Amino acid sequence: FTFSAGRLIFIFLARCLFVRILIIVESGGIAVSSVL
């Protein structure tokens, strides 16, 4: 459910952020949450 909500939210974020920024935000979030 969170996965689906994330994709829905990133649909709107993709309109506001450059894809070069978006890929850094996603990768950084995965890295931090994995370590935690």
ModelCIF file with pLDDT and N, C-alpha, C, O atoms, coordinates in Angstrom:
data_MODEL
#
_entry.id   MODEL 
#
_entity.id                         1 
_entity.type                       polymer 
_entity.pdbx_number_of_molecules   1 
#
_entity_poly.entity_id                      1 
_entity_poly.type                           'polypeptide(L)' 
_entity_poly.nstd_linkage                   no 
_entity_poly.nstd_monomer                   no 
_entity_poly.pdbx_seq_one_letter_code       FTFSAGRLIFIFLARCLFVRILIIVESGGIAVSSVL 
_entity_poly.pdbx_seq_one_letter_code_can   FTFSAGRLIFIFLARCLFVRILIIVESGGIAVSSVL 
_entity_poly.pdbx_strand_id                 A 
#
loop_
_entity_poly_seq.entity_id 
_entity_poly_seq.num 
_entity_poly_seq.mon_id 
_entity_poly_seq.hetero 
1 1  PHE n 
1 2  THR n 
1 3  PHE n 
1 4  SER n 
1 5  ALA n 
1 6  GLY n 
1 7  ARG n 
1 8  LEU n 
1 9  ILE n 
1 10 PHE n 
1 11 ILE n 
1 12 PHE n 
1 13 LEU n 
1 14 ALA n 
1 15 ARG n 
1 16 CYS n 
1 17 LEU n 
1 18 PHE n 
1 19 VAL n 
1 20 ARG n 
1 21 ILE n 
1 22 LEU n 
1 23 ILE n 
1 24 ILE n 
1 25 VAL n 
1 26 GLU n 
1 27 SER n 
1 28 GLY n 
1 29 GLY n 
1 30 ILE n 
1 31 ALA n 
1 32 VAL n 
1 33 SER n 
1 34 SER n 
1 35 VAL n 
1 36 LEU n 
#
_struct_asym.id          A 
_struct_asym.entity_id   1 
#
loop_
_ma_qa_metric.id 
_ma_qa_metric.mode 
_ma_qa_metric.name 
_ma_qa_metric.software_group_id 
_ma_qa_metric.type 
1 global pLDDT . pLDDT 
2 local  pLDDT . pLDDT 
#
_ma_qa_metric_global.metric_id      1 
_ma_qa_metric_global.metric_value   86.89 
_ma_qa_metric_global.model_id       1 
_ma_qa_metric_global.ordinal_id     1 
#
loop_
_ma_qa_metric_local.label_asym_id 
_ma_qa_metric_local.label_comp_id 
_ma_qa_metric_local.label_seq_id 
_ma_qa_metric_local.metric_id 
_ma_qa_metric_local.metric_value 
_ma_qa_metric_local.model_id 
_ma_qa_metric_local.ordinal_id 
A PHE 1  2 90.00 1 1  
A THR 2  2 90.00 1 2  
A PHE 3  2 88.00 1 3  
A SER 4  2 86.00 1 4  
A ALA 5  2 89.00 1 5  
A GLY 6  2 87.00 1 6  
A ARG 7  2 84.00 1 7  
A LEU 8  2 85.00 1 8  
A ILE 9  2 88.00 1 9  
A PHE 10 2 85.00 1 10 
A ILE 11 2 80.00 1 11 
A PHE 12 2 82.00 1 12 
A LEU 13 2 83.00 1 13 
A ALA 14 2 77.00 1 14 
A ARG 15 2 77.00 1 15 
A CYS 16 2 81.00 1 16 
A LEU 17 2 81.00 1 17 
A PHE 18 2 83.00 1 18 
A VAL 19 2 82.00 1 19 
A ARG 20 2 86.00 1 20 
A ILE 21 2 89.00 1 21 
A LEU 22 2 88.00 1 22 
A ILE 23 2 88.00 1 23 
A ILE 24 2 90.00 1 24 
A VAL 25 2 90.00 1 25 
A GLU 26 2 89.00 1 26 
A SER 27 2 89.00 1 27 
A GLY 28 2 91.00 1 28 
A GLY 29 2 91.00 1 29 
A ILE 30 2 90.00 1 30 
A ALA 31 2 90.00 1 31 
A VAL 32 2 93.00 1 32 
A SER 33 2 91.00 1 33 
A SER 34 2 90.00 1 34 
A VAL 35 2 92.00 1 35 
A LEU 36 2 93.00 1 36 
#
loop_
_atom_site.group_PDB 
_atom_site.id 
_atom_site.type_symbol 
_atom_site.label_atom_id 
_atom_site.label_alt_id 
_atom_site.label_comp_id 
_atom_site.label_asym_id 
_atom_site.label_entity_id 
_atom_site.label_seq_id 
_atom_site.pdbx_PDB_ins_code 
_atom_site.Cartn_x 
_atom_site.Cartn_y 
_atom_site.Cartn_z 
_atom_site.occupancy 
_atom_site.B_iso_or_equiv 
_atom_site.pdbx_formal_charge 
_atom_site.auth_seq_id 
_atom_site.auth_comp_id 
_atom_site.auth_asym_id 
_atom_site.auth_atom_id 
_atom_site.pdbx_PDB_model_num 
ATOM 1   N N  . PHE A 1 1  ? 0.836  -1.194 0.000   1.00 90.00 ? 1  PHE A N  1 
ATOM 2   C CA . PHE A 1 1  ? 0.000  0.000  0.000   1.00 90.00 ? 1  PHE A CA 1 
ATOM 3   C C  . PHE A 1 1  ? 0.875  1.250  0.000   1.00 90.00 ? 1  PHE A C  1 
ATOM 4   O O  . PHE A 1 1  ? 0.631  2.190  -0.756  1.00 90.00 ? 1  PHE A O  1 
ATOM 5   N N  . THR A 1 2  ? 1.901  1.249  0.862   1.00 90.00 ? 2  THR A N  1 
ATOM 6   C CA . THR A 1 2  ? 2.847  2.371  0.892   1.00 90.00 ? 2  THR A CA 1 
ATOM 7   C C  . THR A 1 2  ? 3.583  2.486  -0.444  1.00 90.00 ? 2  THR A C  1 
ATOM 8   O O  . THR A 1 2  ? 3.838  3.588  -0.929  1.00 90.00 ? 2  THR A O  1 
ATOM 9   N N  . PHE A 1 3  ? 3.919  1.342  -1.027  1.00 88.00 ? 3  PHE A N  1 
ATOM 10  C CA . PHE A 1 3  ? 4.576  1.316  -2.331  1.00 88.00 ? 3  PHE A CA 1 
ATOM 11  C C  . PHE A 1 3  ? 3.702  2.001  -3.386  1.00 88.00 ? 3  PHE A C  1 
ATOM 12  O O  . PHE A 1 3  ? 4.195  2.814  -4.167  1.00 88.00 ? 3  PHE A O  1 
ATOM 13  N N  . SER A 1 4  ? 2.412  1.675  -3.408  1.00 86.00 ? 4  SER A N  1 
ATOM 14  C CA . SER A 1 4  ? 1.478  2.290  -4.367  1.00 86.00 ? 4  SER A CA 1 
ATOM 15  C C  . SER A 1 4  ? 1.333  3.779  -4.101  1.00 86.00 ? 4  SER A C  1 
ATOM 16  O O  . SER A 1 4  ? 1.334  4.585  -5.031  1.00 86.00 ? 4  SER A O  1 
ATOM 17  N N  . ALA A 1 5  ? 1.206  4.147  -2.813  1.00 89.00 ? 5  ALA A N  1 
ATOM 18  C CA . ALA A 1 5  ? 1.101  5.567  -2.461  1.00 89.00 ? 5  ALA A CA 1 
ATOM 19  C C  . ALA A 1 5  ? 2.357  6.325  -2.879  1.00 89.00 ? 5  ALA A C  1 
ATOM 20  O O  . ALA A 1 5  ? 2.279  7.465  -3.337  1.00 89.00 ? 5  ALA A O  1 
ATOM 21  N N  . GLY A 1 6  ? 3.515  5.683  -2.717  1.00 87.00 ? 6  GLY A N  1 
ATOM 22  C CA . GLY A 1 6  ? 4.773  6.310  -3.121  1.00 87.00 ? 6  GLY A CA 1 
ATOM 23  C C  . GLY A 1 6  ? 4.810  6.582  -4.617  1.00 87.00 ? 6  GLY A C  1 
ATOM 24  O O  . GLY A 1 6  ? 5.235  7.653  -5.049  1.00 87.00 ? 6  GLY A O  1 
ATOM 25  N N  . ARG A 1 7  ? 4.368  5.618  -5.400  1.00 84.00 ? 7  ARG A N  1 
ATOM 26  C CA . ARG A 1 7  ? 4.354  5.832  -6.852  1.00 84.00 ? 7  ARG A CA 1 
ATOM 27  C C  . ARG A 1 7  ? 3.395  6.948  -7.239  1.00 84.00 ? 7  ARG A C  1 
ATOM 28  O O  . ARG A 1 7  ? 3.678  7.737  -8.141  1.00 84.00 ? 7  ARG A O  1 
ATOM 29  N N  . LEU A 1 8  ? 2.253  7.010  -6.549  1.00 85.00 ? 8  LEU A N  1 
ATOM 30  C CA . LEU A 1 8  ? 1.295  8.074  -6.841  1.00 85.00 ? 8  LEU A CA 1 
ATOM 31  C C  . LEU A 1 8  ? 1.882  9.437  -6.502  1.00 85.00 ? 8  LEU A C  1 
ATOM 32  O O  . LEU A 1 8  ? 1.737  10.381 -7.279  1.00 85.00 ? 8  LEU A O  1 
ATOM 33  N N  . ILE A 1 9  ? 2.532  9.550  -5.370  1.00 88.00 ? 9  ILE A N  1 
ATOM 34  C CA . ILE A 1 9  ? 3.133  10.822 -4.959  1.00 88.00 ? 9  ILE A CA 1 
ATOM 35  C C  . ILE A 1 9  ? 4.272  11.219 -5.890  1.00 88.00 ? 9  ILE A C  1 
ATOM 36  O O  . ILE A 1 9  ? 4.423  12.393 -6.227  1.00 88.00 ? 9  ILE A O  1 
ATOM 37  N N  . PHE A 1 10 ? 5.076  10.238 -6.308  1.00 85.00 ? 10 PHE A N  1 
ATOM 38  C CA . PHE A 1 10 ? 6.202  10.555 -7.189  1.00 85.00 ? 10 PHE A CA 1 
ATOM 39  C C  . PHE A 1 10 ? 5.741  10.949 -8.592  1.00 85.00 ? 10 PHE A C  1 
ATOM 40  O O  . PHE A 1 10 ? 6.496  11.571 -9.339  1.00 85.00 ? 10 PHE A O  1 
ATOM 41  N N  . ILE A 1 11 ? 4.497  10.589 -8.957  1.00 80.00 ? 11 ILE A N  1 
ATOM 42  C CA . ILE A 1 11 ? 3.949  11.077 -10.227 1.00 80.00 ? 11 ILE A CA 1 
ATOM 43  C C  . ILE A 1 11 ? 3.885  12.603 -10.207 1.00 80.00 ? 11 ILE A C  1 
ATOM 44  O O  . ILE A 1 11 ? 4.221  13.255 -11.195 1.00 80.00 ? 11 ILE A O  1 
ATOM 45  N N  . PHE A 1 12 ? 3.453  13.168 -9.077  1.00 82.00 ? 12 PHE A N  1 
ATOM 46  C CA . PHE A 1 12 ? 3.355  14.621 -8.950  1.00 82.00 ? 12 PHE A CA 1 
ATOM 47  C C  . PHE A 1 12 ? 4.730  15.256 -8.728  1.00 82.00 ? 12 PHE A C  1 
ATOM 48  O O  . PHE A 1 12 ? 5.006  16.344 -9.232  1.00 82.00 ? 12 PHE A O  1 
ATOM 49  N N  . LEU A 1 13 ? 5.586  14.570 -7.973  1.00 83.00 ? 13 LEU A N  1 
ATOM 50  C CA . LEU A 1 13 ? 6.930  15.104 -7.767  1.00 83.00 ? 13 LEU A CA 1 
ATOM 51  C C  . LEU A 1 13 ? 7.714  15.165 -9.071  1.00 83.00 ? 13 LEU A C  1 
ATOM 52  O O  . LEU A 1 13 ? 8.558  16.042 -9.259  1.00 83.00 ? 13 LEU A O  1 
ATOM 53  N N  . ALA A 1 14 ? 7.427  14.218 -9.980  1.00 77.00 ? 14 ALA A N  1 
ATOM 54  C CA . ALA A 1 14 ? 8.124  14.205 -11.263 1.00 77.00 ? 14 ALA A CA 1 
ATOM 55  C C  . ALA A 1 14 ? 7.818  15.448 -12.086 1.00 77.00 ? 14 ALA A C  1 
ATOM 56  O O  . ALA A 1 14 ? 8.601  15.824 -12.958 1.00 77.00 ? 14 ALA A O  1 
ATOM 57  N N  . ARG A 1 15 ? 6.677  16.090 -11.812 1.00 77.00 ? 15 ARG A N  1 
ATOM 58  C CA . ARG A 1 15 ? 6.325  17.328 -12.514 1.00 77.00 ? 15 ARG A CA 1 
ATOM 59  C C  . ARG A 1 15 ? 7.041  18.538 -11.927 1.00 77.00 ? 15 ARG A C  1 
ATOM 60  O O  . ARG A 1 15 ? 7.168  19.575 -12.579 1.00 77.00 ? 15 ARG A O  1 
ATOM 61  N N  . CYS A 1 16 ? 7.507  18.393 -10.685 1.00 81.00 ? 16 CYS A N  1 
ATOM 62  C CA . CYS A 1 16 ? 8.129  19.530 -9.994  1.00 81.00 ? 16 CYS A CA 1 
ATOM 63  C C  . CYS A 1 16 ? 9.642  19.442 -9.962  1.00 81.00 ? 16 CYS A C  1 
ATOM 64  O O  . CYS A 1 16 ? 10.320 20.469 -9.936  1.00 81.00 ? 16 CYS A O  1 
ATOM 65  N N  . LEU A 1 17 ? 10.187 18.224 -9.963  1.00 81.00 ? 17 LEU A N  1 
ATOM 66  C CA . LEU A 1 17 ? 11.631 18.045 -9.820  1.00 81.00 ? 17 LEU A CA 1 
ATOM 67  C C  . LEU A 1 17 ? 12.230 17.469 -11.097 1.00 81.00 ? 17 LEU A C  1 
ATOM 68  O O  . LEU A 1 17 ? 11.589 16.682 -11.793 1.00 81.00 ? 17 LEU A O  1 
ATOM 69  N N  . PHE A 1 18 ? 13.449 17.864 -11.397 1.00 83.00 ? 18 PHE A N  1 
ATOM 70  C CA . PHE A 1 18 ? 14.167 17.259 -12.507 1.00 83.00 ? 18 PHE A CA 1 
ATOM 71  C C  . PHE A 1 18 ? 14.453 15.792 -12.174 1.00 83.00 ? 18 PHE A C  1 
ATOM 72  O O  . PHE A 1 18 ? 14.656 15.431 -11.014 1.00 83.00 ? 18 PHE A O  1 
ATOM 73  N N  . VAL A 1 19 ? 14.465 14.972 -13.197 1.00 82.00 ? 19 VAL A N  1 
ATOM 74  C CA . VAL A 1 19 ? 14.696 13.545 -12.976 1.00 82.00 ? 19 VAL A CA 1 
ATOM 75  C C  . VAL A 1 19 ? 16.076 13.301 -12.373 1.00 82.00 ? 19 VAL A C  1 
ATOM 76  O O  . VAL A 1 19 ? 16.279 12.311 -11.670 1.00 82.00 ? 19 VAL A O  1 
ATOM 77  N N  . ARG A 1 20 ? 17.033 14.202 -12.644 1.00 86.00 ? 20 ARG A N  1 
ATOM 78  C CA . ARG A 1 20 ? 18.371 14.077 -12.065 1.00 86.00 ? 20 ARG A CA 1 
ATOM 79  C C  . ARG A 1 20 ? 18.341 14.259 -10.556 1.00 86.00 ? 20 ARG A C  1 
ATOM 80  O O  . ARG A 1 20 ? 19.137 13.650 -9.841  1.00 86.00 ? 20 ARG A O  1 
ATOM 81  N N  . ILE A 1 21 ? 17.413 15.106 -10.059 1.00 89.00 ? 21 ILE A N  1 
ATOM 82  C CA . ILE A 1 21 ? 17.246 15.300 -8.621  1.00 89.00 ? 21 ILE A CA 1 
ATOM 83  C C  . ILE A 1 21 ? 16.430 14.157 -8.032  1.00 89.00 ? 21 ILE A C  1 
ATOM 84  O O  . ILE A 1 21 ? 16.722 13.669 -6.940  1.00 89.00 ? 21 ILE A O  1 
ATOM 85  N N  . LEU A 1 22 ? 15.408 13.736 -8.764  1.00 88.00 ? 22 LEU A N  1 
ATOM 86  C CA . LEU A 1 22 ? 14.495 12.708 -8.283  1.00 88.00 ? 22 LEU A CA 1 
ATOM 87  C C  . LEU A 1 22 ? 15.220 11.391 -8.011  1.00 88.00 ? 22 LEU A C  1 
ATOM 88  O O  . LEU A 1 22 ? 14.950 10.727 -7.010  1.00 88.00 ? 22 LEU A O  1 
ATOM 89  N N  . ILE A 1 23 ? 16.126 11.018 -8.889  1.00 88.00 ? 23 ILE A N  1 
ATOM 90  C CA . ILE A 1 23 ? 16.827 9.743  -8.735  1.00 88.00 ? 23 ILE A CA 1 
ATOM 91  C C  . ILE A 1 23 ? 17.764 9.775  -7.524  1.00 88.00 ? 23 ILE A C  1 
ATOM 92  O O  . ILE A 1 23 ? 18.000 8.744  -6.895  1.00 88.00 ? 23 ILE A O  1 
ATOM 93  N N  . ILE A 1 24 ? 18.299 10.962 -7.196  1.00 90.00 ? 24 ILE A N  1 
ATOM 94  C CA . ILE A 1 24 ? 19.153 11.104 -6.009  1.00 90.00 ? 24 ILE A CA 1 
ATOM 95  C C  . ILE A 1 24 ? 18.310 11.012 -4.735  1.00 90.00 ? 24 ILE A C  1 
ATOM 96  O O  . ILE A 1 24 ? 18.718 10.377 -3.763  1.00 90.00 ? 24 ILE A O  1 
ATOM 97  N N  . VAL A 1 25 ? 17.131 11.648 -4.742  1.00 90.00 ? 25 VAL A N  1 
ATOM 98  C CA . VAL A 1 25 ? 16.237 11.594 -3.581  1.00 90.00 ? 25 VAL A CA 1 
ATOM 99  C C  . VAL A 1 25 ? 15.814 10.163 -3.292  1.00 90.00 ? 25 VAL A C  1 
ATOM 100 O O  . VAL A 1 25 ? 15.836 9.733  -2.138  1.00 90.00 ? 25 VAL A O  1 
ATOM 101 N N  . GLU A 1 26 ? 15.429 9.418  -4.326  1.00 89.00 ? 26 GLU A N  1 
ATOM 102 C CA . GLU A 1 26 ? 14.977 8.039  -4.141  1.00 89.00 ? 26 GLU A CA 1 
ATOM 103 C C  . GLU A 1 26 ? 16.118 7.133  -3.671  1.00 89.00 ? 26 GLU A C  1 
ATOM 104 O O  . GLU A 1 26 ? 15.956 6.358  -2.728  1.00 89.00 ? 26 GLU A O  1 
ATOM 105 N N  . SER A 1 27 ? 17.266 7.237  -4.334  1.00 89.00 ? 27 SER A N  1 
ATOM 106 C CA . SER A 1 27 ? 18.408 6.393  -3.953  1.00 89.00 ? 27 SER A CA 1 
ATOM 107 C C  . SER A 1 27 ? 18.881 6.704  -2.541  1.00 89.00 ? 27 SER A C  1 
ATOM 108 O O  . SER A 1 27 ? 19.229 5.798  -1.784  1.00 89.00 ? 27 SER A O  1 
ATOM 109 N N  . GLY A 1 28 ? 18.893 7.988  -2.187  1.00 91.00 ? 28 GLY A N  1 
ATOM 110 C CA . GLY A 1 28 ? 19.287 8.374  -0.835  1.00 91.00 ? 28 GLY A CA 1 
ATOM 111 C C  . GLY A 1 28 ? 18.323 7.846  0.211   1.00 91.00 ? 28 GLY A C  1 
ATOM 112 O O  . GLY A 1 28 ? 18.745 7.375  1.267   1.00 91.00 ? 28 GLY A O  1 
ATOM 113 N N  . GLY A 1 29 ? 17.030 7.920  -0.077  1.00 91.00 ? 29 GLY A N  1 
ATOM 114 C CA . GLY A 1 29 ? 16.026 7.402  0.859   1.00 91.00 ? 29 GLY A CA 1 
ATOM 115 C C  . GLY A 1 29 ? 16.151 5.904  1.057   1.00 91.00 ? 29 GLY A C  1 
ATOM 116 O O  . GLY A 1 29 ? 16.004 5.405  2.173   1.00 91.00 ? 29 GLY A O  1 
ATOM 117 N N  . ILE A 1 30 ? 16.424 5.175  -0.038  1.00 90.00 ? 30 ILE A N  1 
ATOM 118 C CA . ILE A 1 30 ? 16.619 3.725  0.059   1.00 90.00 ? 30 ILE A CA 1 
ATOM 119 C C  . ILE A 1 30 ? 17.853 3.405  0.899   1.00 90.00 ? 30 ILE A C  1 
ATOM 120 O O  . ILE A 1 30 ? 17.823 2.510  1.743   1.00 90.00 ? 30 ILE A O  1 
ATOM 121 N N  . ALA A 1 31 ? 18.936 4.145  0.662   1.00 90.00 ? 31 ALA A N  1 
ATOM 122 C CA . ALA A 1 31 ? 20.184 3.897  1.391   1.00 90.00 ? 31 ALA A CA 1 
ATOM 123 C C  . ALA A 1 31 ? 20.009 4.132  2.889   1.00 90.00 ? 31 ALA A C  1 
ATOM 124 O O  . ALA A 1 31 ? 20.417 3.301  3.700   1.00 90.00 ? 31 ALA A O  1 
ATOM 125 N N  . VAL A 1 32 ? 19.406 5.257  3.256   1.00 93.00 ? 32 VAL A N  1 
ATOM 126 C CA . VAL A 1 32 ? 19.240 5.595  4.676   1.00 93.00 ? 32 VAL A CA 1 
ATOM 127 C C  . VAL A 1 32 ? 18.315 4.600  5.371   1.00 93.00 ? 32 VAL A C  1 
ATOM 128 O O  . VAL A 1 32 ? 18.632 4.114  6.456   1.00 93.00 ? 32 VAL A O  1 
ATOM 129 N N  . SER A 1 33 ? 17.168 4.294  4.749   1.00 91.00 ? 33 SER A N  1 
ATOM 130 C CA . SER A 1 33 ? 16.224 3.367  5.373   1.00 91.00 ? 33 SER A CA 1 
ATOM 131 C C  . SER A 1 33 ? 16.810 1.964  5.480   1.00 91.00 ? 33 SER A C  1 
ATOM 132 O O  . SER A 1 33 ? 16.511 1.246  6.434   1.00 91.00 ? 33 SER A O  1 
ATOM 133 N N  . SER A 1 34 ? 17.640 1.557  4.518   1.00 90.00 ? 34 SER A N  1 
ATOM 134 C CA . SER A 1 34 ? 18.279 0.236  4.582   1.00 90.00 ? 34 SER A CA 1 
ATOM 135 C C  . SER A 1 34 ? 19.242 0.146  5.759   1.00 90.00 ? 34 SER A C  1 
ATOM 136 O O  . SER A 1 34 ? 19.260 -0.854 6.477   1.00 90.00 ? 34 SER A O  1 
ATOM 137 N N  . VAL A 1 35 ? 20.041 1.191  5.957   1.00 92.00 ? 35 VAL A N  1 
ATOM 138 C CA . VAL A 1 35 ? 20.976 1.207  7.087   1.00 92.00 ? 35 VAL A CA 1 
ATOM 139 C C  . VAL A 1 35 ? 20.215 1.176  8.414   1.00 92.00 ? 35 VAL A C  1 
ATOM 140 O O  . VAL A 1 35 ? 20.609 0.472  9.343   1.00 92.00 ? 35 VAL A O  1 
ATOM 141 N N  . LEU A 1 36 ? 19.126 1.940  8.498   1.00 93.00 ? 36 LEU A N  1 
ATOM 142 C CA . LEU A 1 36 ? 18.322 1.965  9.729   1.00 93.00 ? 36 LEU A CA 1 
ATOM 143 C C  . LEU A 1 36 ? 17.666 0.617  9.997   1.00 93.00 ? 36 LEU A C  1 
ATOM 144 O O  . LEU A 1 36 ? 16.955 0.463  10.990  1.00 93.00 ? 36 LEU A O  1 
#
